[in-house]
Amino acid sequence: MNFATYVGLVVLSCFAFGLSSSAQVGAVENWREIGAKSVTLYSRAKYKDKYAGYGKSTFSFKYGLRSDDVDQAITHNDYELQFGGMSIDGDSDWFGVTMVTDDRSRIKDLSELNWADLVDVPALPAAAEPQKGISLSFKTRNFEESSNGQVTRVAEGHMYVVHTRDTDSDFYTLLRVDKLVSGDEVTISWKNVPAPF
């Protein structure tokens, strides 16, 4: 093999790898016609002593993997959704989306909906800067408002929009809570979708 052929193969391989890694997010224009995927997450607050690290509480929409499904060589411990990562007065039915230090992701409850009810992807701007934690001051705002969209209450039958944004990612996901066992587990259906703009 001559040098020019070798360089050509290397360039072609890099191009193919770039396409496959960007396609991993899987946002497609005909997202309404494609079936949703499903995963069950277990409350980190309840199972923190049973499972190491994030256990079965976090999920990567980018790779379609729960935190216990793979070693960190693929996800680099960077997940887009966590269930039960906090407990307030024994209540751990919360989704959180800020998982890494440079994370500007946001989540919003769209209310009780089915997949067929959603026509367009709602816009949800990412934070301008990474957040430095969550305020626990509820005197003038509820917990979701005080978190600036970093957390939201989990409710069965509700749909949510997630805008994942950090150094490595910028994409949208829709999810629906299909089943909730309060304080224990949540089963969601989800789809990566095109950004609304």
N, C-alpha and C. Protein backbone atom coordinates (compact mmCIF):
# COMPACT_ATOMS: atom_id res chain seq x y z
N MET A 1 0.86 -1.18 0.00
CA MET A 1 0.00 0.00 0.00
C MET A 1 0.90 1.23 0.00
N ASN A 2 0.61 2.14 -0.92
CA ASN A 2 1.43 3.34 -0.96
C ASN A 2 0.95 4.36 0.07
N PHE A 3 1.75 5.37 0.30
CA PHE A 3 1.47 6.38 1.33
C PHE A 3 0.18 7.14 1.05
N ALA A 4 -0.09 7.50 -0.17
CA ALA A 4 -1.31 8.25 -0.53
C ALA A 4 -2.56 7.42 -0.24
N THR A 5 -2.51 6.13 -0.53
CA THR A 5 -3.66 5.24 -0.24
C THR A 5 -3.87 5.14 1.26
N TYR A 6 -2.77 5.00 2.01
CA TYR A 6 -2.85 4.91 3.46
C TYR A 6 -3.47 6.17 4.06
N VAL A 7 -3.01 7.34 3.62
CA VAL A 7 -3.55 8.61 4.12
C VAL A 7 -5.03 8.71 3.76
N GLY A 8 -5.39 8.31 2.55
CA GLY A 8 -6.79 8.33 2.14
C GLY A 8 -7.66 7.46 3.02
N LEU A 9 -7.17 6.27 3.36
CA LEU A 9 -7.94 5.37 4.24
C LEU A 9 -8.07 5.95 5.65
N VAL A 10 -7.01 6.58 6.14
CA VAL A 10 -7.07 7.19 7.47
C VAL A 10 -8.10 8.33 7.49
N VAL A 11 -8.07 9.17 6.47
CA VAL A 11 -9.03 10.28 6.39
C VAL A 11 -10.45 9.75 6.28
N LEU A 12 -10.66 8.74 5.45
CA LEU A 12 -11.98 8.14 5.30
C LEU A 12 -12.46 7.52 6.60
N SER A 13 -11.57 6.85 7.33
CA SER A 13 -11.93 6.26 8.62
C SER A 13 -12.32 7.33 9.63
N CYS A 14 -11.56 8.41 9.67
CA CYS A 14 -11.87 9.50 10.60
C CYS A 14 -13.22 10.12 10.26
N PHE A 15 -13.49 10.31 8.98
CA PHE A 15 -14.77 10.87 8.54
C PHE A 15 -15.91 9.94 8.95
N ALA A 16 -15.75 8.64 8.71
CA ALA A 16 -16.80 7.67 9.07
C ALA A 16 -17.00 7.64 10.58
N PHE A 17 -15.92 7.68 11.35
CA PHE A 17 -16.05 7.70 12.80
C PHE A 17 -16.77 8.95 13.27
N GLY A 18 -16.45 10.09 12.67
CA GLY A 18 -17.11 11.35 13.02
C GLY A 18 -18.60 11.28 12.75
N LEU A 19 -18.97 10.70 11.61
CA LEU A 19 -20.39 10.57 11.30
C LEU A 19 -21.09 9.64 12.28
N SER A 20 -20.43 8.51 12.62
CA SER A 20 -21.09 7.57 13.51
C SER A 20 -21.21 8.13 14.92
N SER A 21 -20.20 8.89 15.39
CA SER A 21 -20.29 9.43 16.75
C SER A 21 -21.33 10.54 16.83
N SER A 22 -21.46 11.34 15.76
CA SER A 22 -22.49 12.37 15.81
C SER A 22 -23.87 11.75 15.64
N ALA A 23 -23.97 10.64 14.95
CA ALA A 23 -25.26 9.97 14.77
C ALA A 23 -25.70 9.25 16.03
N GLN A 24 -24.79 9.05 16.99
CA GLN A 24 -25.16 8.36 18.22
C GLN A 24 -26.27 9.09 18.96
N VAL A 25 -26.32 10.39 18.85
CA VAL A 25 -27.39 11.12 19.51
C VAL A 25 -28.72 10.74 18.87
N GLY A 26 -28.72 10.44 17.59
CA GLY A 26 -29.88 9.84 16.93
C GLY A 26 -31.06 10.75 16.68
N ALA A 27 -30.89 12.05 16.69
CA ALA A 27 -32.01 12.94 16.40
C ALA A 27 -32.32 12.89 14.91
N VAL A 28 -33.55 12.57 14.58
CA VAL A 28 -33.97 12.48 13.18
C VAL A 28 -35.19 13.34 12.95
N GLU A 29 -35.32 13.82 11.73
CA GLU A 29 -36.43 14.71 11.40
C GLU A 29 -37.79 14.02 11.54
N ASN A 30 -37.86 12.73 11.26
CA ASN A 30 -39.14 12.01 11.35
C ASN A 30 -39.30 11.34 12.73
N TRP A 31 -38.90 12.02 13.78
CA TRP A 31 -38.92 11.46 15.13
C TRP A 31 -40.31 11.04 15.58
N ARG A 32 -41.36 11.66 15.04
CA ARG A 32 -42.73 11.30 15.44
C ARG A 32 -43.10 9.89 14.99
N GLU A 33 -42.49 9.43 13.91
CA GLU A 33 -42.82 8.14 13.32
C GLU A 33 -42.01 6.98 13.90
N ILE A 34 -40.98 7.30 14.67
CA ILE A 34 -40.10 6.28 15.23
C ILE A 34 -40.53 5.97 16.66
N GLY A 35 -40.58 4.69 16.99
CA GLY A 35 -40.97 4.29 18.34
C GLY A 35 -39.98 4.76 19.40
N ALA A 36 -40.50 5.05 20.56
CA ALA A 36 -39.65 5.48 21.68
C ALA A 36 -38.93 4.27 22.28
N LYS A 37 -37.75 4.52 22.82
CA LYS A 37 -36.99 3.50 23.54
C LYS A 37 -37.39 3.60 25.01
N SER A 38 -37.05 2.59 25.80
CA SER A 38 -37.49 2.55 27.19
C SER A 38 -36.34 2.14 28.10
N VAL A 39 -36.36 2.67 29.33
CA VAL A 39 -35.38 2.30 30.34
C VAL A 39 -36.00 2.49 31.72
N THR A 40 -35.58 1.68 32.67
CA THR A 40 -35.98 1.84 34.07
C THR A 40 -34.78 2.31 34.88
N LEU A 41 -34.99 3.38 35.65
CA LEU A 41 -33.96 3.92 36.54
C LEU A 41 -34.39 3.69 37.98
N TYR A 42 -33.41 3.48 38.85
CA TYR A 42 -33.67 3.22 40.27
C TYR A 42 -33.13 4.37 41.10
N SER A 43 -33.89 4.78 42.10
CA SER A 43 -33.55 5.94 42.91
C SER A 43 -32.15 5.83 43.52
N ARG A 44 -31.34 6.82 43.24
CA ARG A 44 -29.99 6.83 43.82
C ARG A 44 -30.08 6.99 45.33
N ALA A 45 -31.04 7.78 45.81
CA ALA A 45 -31.19 8.00 47.25
C ALA A 45 -31.50 6.68 47.96
N LYS A 46 -32.33 5.85 47.37
CA LYS A 46 -32.72 4.58 48.01
C LYS A 46 -31.62 3.52 47.88
N TYR A 47 -30.97 3.46 46.74
CA TYR A 47 -30.04 2.37 46.46
C TYR A 47 -28.57 2.75 46.53
N LYS A 48 -28.25 3.90 47.10
CA LYS A 48 -26.86 4.37 47.11
C LYS A 48 -25.91 3.41 47.84
N ASP A 49 -26.42 2.68 48.83
CA ASP A 49 -25.57 1.73 49.55
C ASP A 49 -25.49 0.38 48.86
N LYS A 50 -26.42 0.11 47.94
CA LYS A 50 -26.45 -1.18 47.24
C LYS A 50 -25.59 -1.18 45.98
N TYR A 51 -25.58 -0.06 45.26
CA TYR A 51 -24.85 0.04 44.00
C TYR A 51 -23.76 1.09 44.09
N ALA A 52 -22.61 0.78 43.53
CA ALA A 52 -21.49 1.73 43.52
C ALA A 52 -21.76 2.86 42.53
N GLY A 53 -21.16 4.01 42.78
CA GLY A 53 -21.28 5.14 41.86
C GLY A 53 -22.73 5.55 41.67
N TYR A 54 -23.08 5.78 40.41
CA TYR A 54 -24.46 6.16 40.10
C TYR A 54 -25.40 4.95 40.11
N GLY A 55 -24.84 3.76 40.19
CA GLY A 55 -25.68 2.56 40.21
C GLY A 55 -26.54 2.46 38.98
N LYS A 56 -27.83 2.34 39.19
CA LYS A 56 -28.80 2.24 38.10
C LYS A 56 -29.67 3.49 38.02
N SER A 57 -29.14 4.61 38.52
CA SER A 57 -29.96 5.83 38.64
C SER A 57 -29.79 6.81 37.50
N THR A 58 -28.78 6.66 36.66
CA THR A 58 -28.53 7.64 35.61
C THR A 58 -28.57 7.00 34.23
N PHE A 59 -28.80 7.87 33.22
CA PHE A 59 -28.93 7.38 31.85
C PHE A 59 -28.29 8.36 30.88
N SER A 60 -27.65 7.79 29.85
CA SER A 60 -27.07 8.59 28.78
C SER A 60 -27.96 8.48 27.55
N PHE A 61 -28.63 9.58 27.21
CA PHE A 61 -29.41 9.62 25.97
C PHE A 61 -28.48 9.61 24.77
N LYS A 62 -27.29 10.12 24.94
CA LYS A 62 -26.32 10.19 23.85
C LYS A 62 -25.93 8.79 23.39
N TYR A 63 -25.73 7.88 24.34
CA TYR A 63 -25.28 6.53 24.00
C TYR A 63 -26.38 5.47 24.21
N GLY A 64 -27.50 5.84 24.80
CA GLY A 64 -28.56 4.87 25.06
C GLY A 64 -28.19 3.86 26.12
N LEU A 65 -27.44 4.29 27.14
CA LEU A 65 -26.92 3.38 28.15
C LEU A 65 -27.25 3.87 29.57
N ARG A 66 -27.66 2.93 30.42
CA ARG A 66 -27.82 3.24 31.84
C ARG A 66 -26.45 3.10 32.50
N SER A 67 -26.27 3.76 33.63
CA SER A 67 -24.95 3.85 34.26
C SER A 67 -24.36 2.50 34.66
N ASP A 68 -25.18 1.47 34.80
CA ASP A 68 -24.63 0.15 35.14
C ASP A 68 -24.44 -0.73 33.91
N ASP A 69 -24.82 -0.25 32.73
CA ASP A 69 -24.76 -1.07 31.52
C ASP A 69 -23.37 -1.16 30.91
N VAL A 70 -22.46 -0.30 31.30
CA VAL A 70 -21.19 -0.21 30.59
C VAL A 70 -20.14 0.38 31.51
N ASP A 71 -18.90 0.09 31.18
CA ASP A 71 -17.87 0.79 31.95
C ASP A 71 -17.77 2.23 31.44
N GLN A 72 -17.03 3.03 32.12
CA GLN A 72 -17.01 4.46 31.83
C GLN A 72 -16.15 4.81 30.61
N ALA A 73 -15.59 3.82 29.94
CA ALA A 73 -14.80 4.09 28.74
C ALA A 73 -15.68 4.69 27.64
N ILE A 74 -16.97 4.35 27.63
CA ILE A 74 -17.87 4.88 26.60
C ILE A 74 -18.46 6.22 27.03
N THR A 75 -19.03 6.27 28.21
CA THR A 75 -19.75 7.48 28.65
C THR A 75 -18.84 8.49 29.36
N HIS A 76 -17.69 8.05 29.83
CA HIS A 76 -16.79 8.91 30.60
C HIS A 76 -17.50 9.50 31.83
N ASN A 77 -18.42 8.71 32.37
CA ASN A 77 -19.19 9.10 33.57
C ASN A 77 -20.01 10.37 33.33
N ASP A 78 -20.39 10.61 32.09
CA ASP A 78 -21.15 11.80 31.70
C ASP A 78 -22.54 11.34 31.24
N TYR A 79 -23.51 11.50 32.12
CA TYR A 79 -24.88 11.08 31.84
C TYR A 79 -25.78 12.31 31.75
N GLU A 80 -26.93 12.14 31.10
CA GLU A 80 -27.81 13.28 30.87
C GLU A 80 -29.02 13.34 31.81
N LEU A 81 -29.34 12.24 32.51
CA LEU A 81 -30.51 12.23 33.39
C LEU A 81 -30.23 11.38 34.61
N GLN A 82 -30.66 11.88 35.77
CA GLN A 82 -30.57 11.10 36.99
C GLN A 82 -31.91 11.09 37.69
N PHE A 83 -32.28 9.94 38.26
CA PHE A 83 -33.50 9.81 39.05
C PHE A 83 -33.12 9.59 40.51
N GLY A 84 -33.77 10.35 41.39
CA GLY A 84 -33.58 10.16 42.83
C GLY A 84 -32.22 10.56 43.33
N GLY A 85 -31.59 11.53 42.71
CA GLY A 85 -30.27 11.97 43.13
C GLY A 85 -30.28 12.81 44.38
N MET A 86 -31.46 13.22 44.80
CA MET A 86 -31.60 14.00 46.03
C MET A 86 -32.87 13.56 46.74
N SER A 87 -32.89 13.78 48.03
CA SER A 87 -34.06 13.44 48.83
C SER A 87 -34.37 14.63 49.73
N ILE A 88 -35.59 15.13 49.61
CA ILE A 88 -36.03 16.25 50.44
C ILE A 88 -37.16 15.73 51.31
N ASP A 89 -36.91 15.67 52.61
CA ASP A 89 -37.89 15.12 53.56
C ASP A 89 -38.37 13.74 53.13
N GLY A 90 -37.44 12.90 52.65
CA GLY A 90 -37.77 11.54 52.24
C GLY A 90 -38.34 11.42 50.84
N ASP A 91 -38.48 12.52 50.13
CA ASP A 91 -39.03 12.51 48.77
C ASP A 91 -37.88 12.55 47.77
N SER A 92 -37.70 11.46 47.02
CA SER A 92 -36.61 11.42 46.04
C SER A 92 -37.12 11.32 44.60
N ASP A 93 -38.39 11.66 44.39
CA ASP A 93 -38.97 11.58 43.04
C ASP A 93 -38.64 12.83 42.23
N TRP A 94 -37.34 12.98 41.91
CA TRP A 94 -36.85 14.12 41.17
C TRP A 94 -35.94 13.66 40.04
N PHE A 95 -36.05 14.34 38.89
CA PHE A 95 -35.07 14.18 37.82
C PHE A 95 -34.08 15.32 37.95
N GLY A 96 -32.81 15.03 37.72
CA GLY A 96 -31.77 16.04 37.65
C GLY A 96 -31.02 15.91 36.34
N VAL A 97 -30.56 17.04 35.79
CA VAL A 97 -29.88 16.99 34.50
C VAL A 97 -28.49 17.60 34.48
N THR A 98 -28.05 18.21 35.55
CA THR A 98 -26.70 18.77 35.56
C THR A 98 -25.77 17.76 36.23
N MET A 99 -25.01 17.04 35.40
CA MET A 99 -24.26 15.89 35.90
C MET A 99 -22.74 16.11 35.88
N VAL A 100 -22.24 17.08 35.14
CA VAL A 100 -20.80 17.33 35.08
C VAL A 100 -20.53 18.81 35.35
N THR A 101 -19.29 19.15 35.61
CA THR A 101 -18.97 20.51 36.07
C THR A 101 -19.26 21.60 35.04
N ASP A 102 -19.19 21.28 33.76
CA ASP A 102 -19.45 22.31 32.75
C ASP A 102 -20.87 22.21 32.18
N ASP A 103 -21.75 21.55 32.90
CA ASP A 103 -23.10 21.26 32.42
C ASP A 103 -24.01 22.47 32.49
N ARG A 104 -24.69 22.76 31.39
CA ARG A 104 -25.67 23.85 31.32
C ARG A 104 -27.04 23.32 30.93
N SER A 105 -27.24 22.01 31.10
CA SER A 105 -28.47 21.34 30.68
C SER A 105 -29.68 21.81 31.48
N ARG A 106 -30.85 21.63 30.87
CA ARG A 106 -32.12 22.01 31.50
C ARG A 106 -33.18 20.96 31.20
N ILE A 107 -34.17 20.86 32.09
CA ILE A 107 -35.30 19.96 31.93
C ILE A 107 -36.57 20.72 32.25
N LYS A 108 -37.65 20.40 31.53
CA LYS A 108 -38.93 21.07 31.78
C LYS A 108 -40.07 20.07 31.67
N ASP A 109 -40.97 20.11 32.66
CA ASP A 109 -42.18 19.29 32.67
C ASP A 109 -43.18 19.90 31.69
N LEU A 110 -43.65 19.09 30.75
CA LEU A 110 -44.62 19.55 29.74
C LEU A 110 -46.04 19.20 30.13
N SER A 111 -46.24 18.61 31.27
CA SER A 111 -47.54 18.18 31.83
C SER A 111 -47.90 16.78 31.34
N GLU A 112 -49.08 16.35 31.68
CA GLU A 112 -49.53 15.01 31.33
C GLU A 112 -49.85 14.94 29.84
N LEU A 113 -49.08 14.13 29.12
CA LEU A 113 -49.22 14.00 27.67
C LEU A 113 -48.87 12.58 27.24
N ASN A 114 -49.36 12.21 26.09
CA ASN A 114 -48.94 10.99 25.41
C ASN A 114 -48.05 11.39 24.24
N TRP A 115 -47.33 10.43 23.68
CA TRP A 115 -46.44 10.74 22.56
C TRP A 115 -47.21 11.36 21.40
N ALA A 116 -48.41 10.87 21.14
CA ALA A 116 -49.19 11.38 20.00
C ALA A 116 -49.65 12.82 20.20
N ASP A 117 -49.66 13.30 21.44
CA ASP A 117 -50.11 14.67 21.73
C ASP A 117 -49.08 15.73 21.36
N LEU A 118 -47.83 15.34 21.24
CA LEU A 118 -46.75 16.31 21.03
C LEU A 118 -46.49 16.47 19.54
N VAL A 119 -46.71 17.68 19.03
CA VAL A 119 -46.53 17.97 17.61
C VAL A 119 -45.15 18.53 17.33
N ASP A 120 -44.71 19.46 18.17
CA ASP A 120 -43.42 20.11 17.98
C ASP A 120 -42.54 19.94 19.21
N VAL A 121 -41.24 20.05 19.00
CA VAL A 121 -40.29 20.02 20.11
C VAL A 121 -40.27 21.41 20.74
N PRO A 122 -40.60 21.52 22.03
CA PRO A 122 -40.57 22.84 22.68
C PRO A 122 -39.13 23.35 22.84
N ALA A 123 -38.94 24.62 22.65
CA ALA A 123 -37.62 25.23 22.86
C ALA A 123 -37.35 25.33 24.36
N LEU A 124 -36.14 24.98 24.75
CA LEU A 124 -35.70 25.09 26.13
C LEU A 124 -34.24 25.53 26.12
N PRO A 125 -34.00 26.82 26.31
CA PRO A 125 -32.61 27.30 26.27
C PRO A 125 -31.77 26.69 27.38
N ALA A 126 -30.54 26.36 27.05
CA ALA A 126 -29.58 25.93 28.06
C ALA A 126 -29.18 27.16 28.88
N ALA A 127 -28.65 26.92 30.06
CA ALA A 127 -28.17 28.03 30.88
C ALA A 127 -27.00 28.71 30.19
N ALA A 128 -26.86 30.00 30.42
CA ALA A 128 -25.77 30.76 29.81
C ALA A 128 -24.41 30.31 30.35
N GLU A 129 -24.37 29.94 31.61
CA GLU A 129 -23.15 29.50 32.28
C GLU A 129 -23.45 28.25 33.09
N PRO A 130 -22.44 27.40 33.34
CA PRO A 130 -22.66 26.25 34.22
C PRO A 130 -23.10 26.71 35.62
N GLN A 131 -23.99 25.96 36.22
CA GLN A 131 -24.50 26.30 37.54
C GLN A 131 -23.55 25.81 38.62
N LYS A 132 -23.57 26.46 39.74
CA LYS A 132 -22.71 26.11 40.87
C LYS A 132 -23.50 25.41 41.98
N GLY A 133 -24.49 24.63 41.61
CA GLY A 133 -25.30 23.93 42.59
C GLY A 133 -26.75 24.39 42.52
N ILE A 134 -27.54 23.91 43.45
CA ILE A 134 -28.97 24.19 43.47
C ILE A 134 -29.32 24.92 44.76
N SER A 135 -30.05 26.01 44.62
CA SER A 135 -30.50 26.76 45.80
C SER A 135 -31.61 25.99 46.49
N LEU A 136 -31.53 25.88 47.79
CA LEU A 136 -32.58 25.22 48.55
C LEU A 136 -33.47 26.24 49.27
N SER A 137 -33.51 27.44 48.74
CA SER A 137 -34.35 28.49 49.30
C SER A 137 -35.70 28.48 48.61
N PHE A 138 -36.75 28.10 49.36
CA PHE A 138 -38.08 27.97 48.77
C PHE A 138 -39.03 29.06 49.24
N LYS A 139 -38.53 30.11 49.85
CA LYS A 139 -39.42 31.12 50.42
C LYS A 139 -40.24 31.85 49.37
N THR A 140 -39.63 32.16 48.23
CA THR A 140 -40.37 32.89 47.19
C THR A 140 -40.59 32.06 45.93
N ARG A 141 -39.92 30.93 45.81
CA ARG A 141 -40.05 30.08 44.62
C ARG A 141 -40.14 28.62 45.05
N ASN A 142 -40.70 27.78 44.16
CA ASN A 142 -40.69 26.36 44.46
C ASN A 142 -39.31 25.78 44.10
N PHE A 143 -39.09 24.53 44.43
CA PHE A 143 -37.78 23.91 44.25
C PHE A 143 -37.36 23.91 42.78
N GLU A 144 -38.28 23.59 41.89
CA GLU A 144 -37.94 23.57 40.46
C GLU A 144 -37.50 24.95 39.97
N GLU A 145 -38.21 25.99 40.38
CA GLU A 145 -37.84 27.35 39.99
C GLU A 145 -36.50 27.75 40.58
N SER A 146 -36.27 27.40 41.83
CA SER A 146 -35.02 27.79 42.48
C SER A 146 -33.82 27.04 41.90
N SER A 147 -34.07 25.92 41.22
CA SER A 147 -32.96 25.17 40.61
C SER A 147 -32.63 25.68 39.22
N ASN A 148 -33.40 26.63 38.72
CA ASN A 148 -33.18 27.18 37.39
C ASN A 148 -33.25 26.10 36.31
N GLY A 149 -34.20 25.17 36.47
CA GLY A 149 -34.40 24.13 35.46
C GLY A 149 -33.45 22.96 35.53
N GLN A 150 -32.67 22.87 36.60
CA GLN A 150 -31.74 21.74 36.75
C GLN A 150 -32.45 20.48 37.24
N VAL A 151 -33.56 20.64 37.95
CA VAL A 151 -34.33 19.50 38.46
C VAL A 151 -35.81 19.73 38.20
N THR A 152 -36.54 18.65 38.19
CA THR A 152 -38.00 18.72 38.09
C THR A 152 -38.61 17.51 38.77
N ARG A 153 -39.82 17.69 39.23
CA ARG A 153 -40.57 16.64 39.90
C ARG A 153 -40.95 15.56 38.89
N VAL A 154 -40.86 14.32 39.29
CA VAL A 154 -41.25 13.19 38.44
C VAL A 154 -42.72 12.89 38.67
N ALA A 155 -43.49 12.82 37.59
CA ALA A 155 -44.93 12.53 37.69
C ALA A 155 -45.31 11.53 36.60
N GLU A 156 -45.97 10.48 36.99
CA GLU A 156 -46.39 9.46 36.02
C GLU A 156 -47.32 10.05 34.98
N GLY A 157 -47.08 9.69 33.72
CA GLY A 157 -47.89 10.18 32.61
C GLY A 157 -47.44 11.52 32.05
N HIS A 158 -46.48 12.17 32.70
CA HIS A 158 -45.99 13.47 32.23
C HIS A 158 -44.88 13.29 31.22
N MET A 159 -44.79 14.26 30.30
CA MET A 159 -43.69 14.31 29.35
C MET A 159 -42.77 15.46 29.73
N TYR A 160 -41.51 15.32 29.35
CA TYR A 160 -40.48 16.30 29.68
C TYR A 160 -39.61 16.55 28.45
N VAL A 161 -39.10 17.76 28.34
CA VAL A 161 -38.10 18.08 27.33
C VAL A 161 -36.79 18.32 28.07
N VAL A 162 -35.71 17.76 27.53
CA VAL A 162 -34.37 17.94 28.09
C VAL A 162 -33.49 18.56 27.01
N HIS A 163 -32.84 19.66 27.35
CA HIS A 163 -31.81 20.23 26.47
C HIS A 163 -30.48 19.95 27.13
N THR A 164 -29.75 19.00 26.58
CA THR A 164 -28.44 18.63 27.10
C THR A 164 -27.40 19.55 26.48
N ARG A 165 -26.60 20.18 27.35
CA ARG A 165 -25.58 21.10 26.85
C ARG A 165 -24.39 21.08 27.79
N ASP A 166 -23.25 20.64 27.26
CA ASP A 166 -21.97 20.75 27.96
C ASP A 166 -20.89 20.82 26.89
N THR A 167 -19.64 20.70 27.27
CA THR A 167 -18.55 20.83 26.31
C THR A 167 -18.66 19.83 25.17
N ASP A 168 -19.13 18.61 25.47
CA ASP A 168 -19.18 17.54 24.48
C ASP A 168 -20.51 17.38 23.78
N SER A 169 -21.56 18.02 24.25
CA SER A 169 -22.90 17.71 23.74
C SER A 169 -23.79 18.95 23.67
N ASP A 170 -24.70 18.92 22.70
CA ASP A 170 -25.74 19.94 22.58
C ASP A 170 -26.88 19.31 21.78
N PHE A 171 -27.86 18.75 22.49
CA PHE A 171 -28.97 18.08 21.81
C PHE A 171 -30.22 18.04 22.69
N TYR A 172 -31.33 17.70 22.06
CA TYR A 172 -32.63 17.65 22.73
C TYR A 172 -33.12 16.21 22.84
N THR A 173 -33.83 15.94 23.95
CA THR A 173 -34.48 14.65 24.18
C THR A 173 -35.88 14.91 24.73
N LEU A 174 -36.84 14.13 24.26
CA LEU A 174 -38.16 14.10 24.88
C LEU A 174 -38.29 12.80 25.64
N LEU A 175 -38.93 12.85 26.80
CA LEU A 175 -39.16 11.62 27.55
C LEU A 175 -40.53 11.67 28.20
N ARG A 176 -41.06 10.48 28.46
CA ARG A 176 -42.36 10.34 29.12
C ARG A 176 -42.21 9.36 30.27
N VAL A 177 -42.80 9.69 31.42
CA VAL A 177 -42.79 8.78 32.56
C VAL A 177 -43.95 7.80 32.38
N ASP A 178 -43.61 6.56 32.04
CA ASP A 178 -44.62 5.54 31.81
C ASP A 178 -45.06 4.85 33.10
N LYS A 179 -44.12 4.76 34.07
CA LYS A 179 -44.45 4.11 35.35
C LYS A 179 -43.55 4.71 36.42
N LEU A 180 -44.14 5.02 37.56
CA LEU A 180 -43.39 5.52 38.71
C LEU A 180 -43.78 4.73 39.94
N VAL A 181 -42.79 4.13 40.58
CA VAL A 181 -42.95 3.55 41.91
C VAL A 181 -42.25 4.54 42.84
N SER A 182 -43.03 5.35 43.52
CA SER A 182 -42.50 6.48 44.28
C SER A 182 -41.36 6.08 45.21
N GLY A 183 -40.26 6.84 45.11
CA GLY A 183 -39.10 6.62 45.97
C GLY A 183 -38.29 5.38 45.61
N ASP A 184 -38.63 4.70 44.51
CA ASP A 184 -37.98 3.44 44.19
C ASP A 184 -37.47 3.39 42.74
N GLU A 185 -38.39 3.47 41.78
CA GLU A 185 -37.99 3.33 40.38
C GLU A 185 -38.92 4.10 39.46
N VAL A 186 -38.40 4.40 38.26
CA VAL A 186 -39.18 5.07 37.24
C VAL A 186 -38.84 4.43 35.89
N THR A 187 -39.87 4.17 35.09
CA THR A 187 -39.68 3.68 33.73
C THR A 187 -40.07 4.79 32.79
N ILE A 188 -39.13 5.13 31.90
CA ILE A 188 -39.38 6.21 30.94
C ILE A 188 -39.29 5.67 29.52
N SER A 189 -40.02 6.31 28.63
CA SER A 189 -39.80 6.13 27.20
C SER A 189 -39.17 7.43 26.71
N TRP A 190 -38.31 7.34 25.71
CA TRP A 190 -37.54 8.52 25.31
C TRP A 190 -37.16 8.48 23.82
N LYS A 191 -36.93 9.68 23.29
CA LYS A 191 -36.45 9.85 21.92
C LYS A 191 -35.54 11.06 21.86
N ASN A 192 -34.42 10.94 21.18
CA ASN A 192 -33.63 12.11 20.85
C ASN A 192 -34.28 12.77 19.64
N VAL A 193 -34.42 14.08 19.70
CA VAL A 193 -35.19 14.81 18.68
C VAL A 193 -34.39 15.99 18.17
N PRO A 194 -34.74 16.51 16.99
CA PRO A 194 -34.03 17.67 16.48
C PRO A 194 -34.29 18.90 17.35
N ALA A 195 -33.32 19.78 17.44
CA ALA A 195 -33.52 21.05 18.14
C ALA A 195 -34.63 21.81 17.43
N PRO A 196 -35.45 22.55 18.19
CA PRO A 196 -36.61 23.23 17.61
C PRO A 196 -36.28 24.47 16.78
N PHE A 197 -35.03 24.84 16.66
CA PHE A 197 -34.67 26.04 15.90
C PHE A 197 -33.55 25.75 14.95
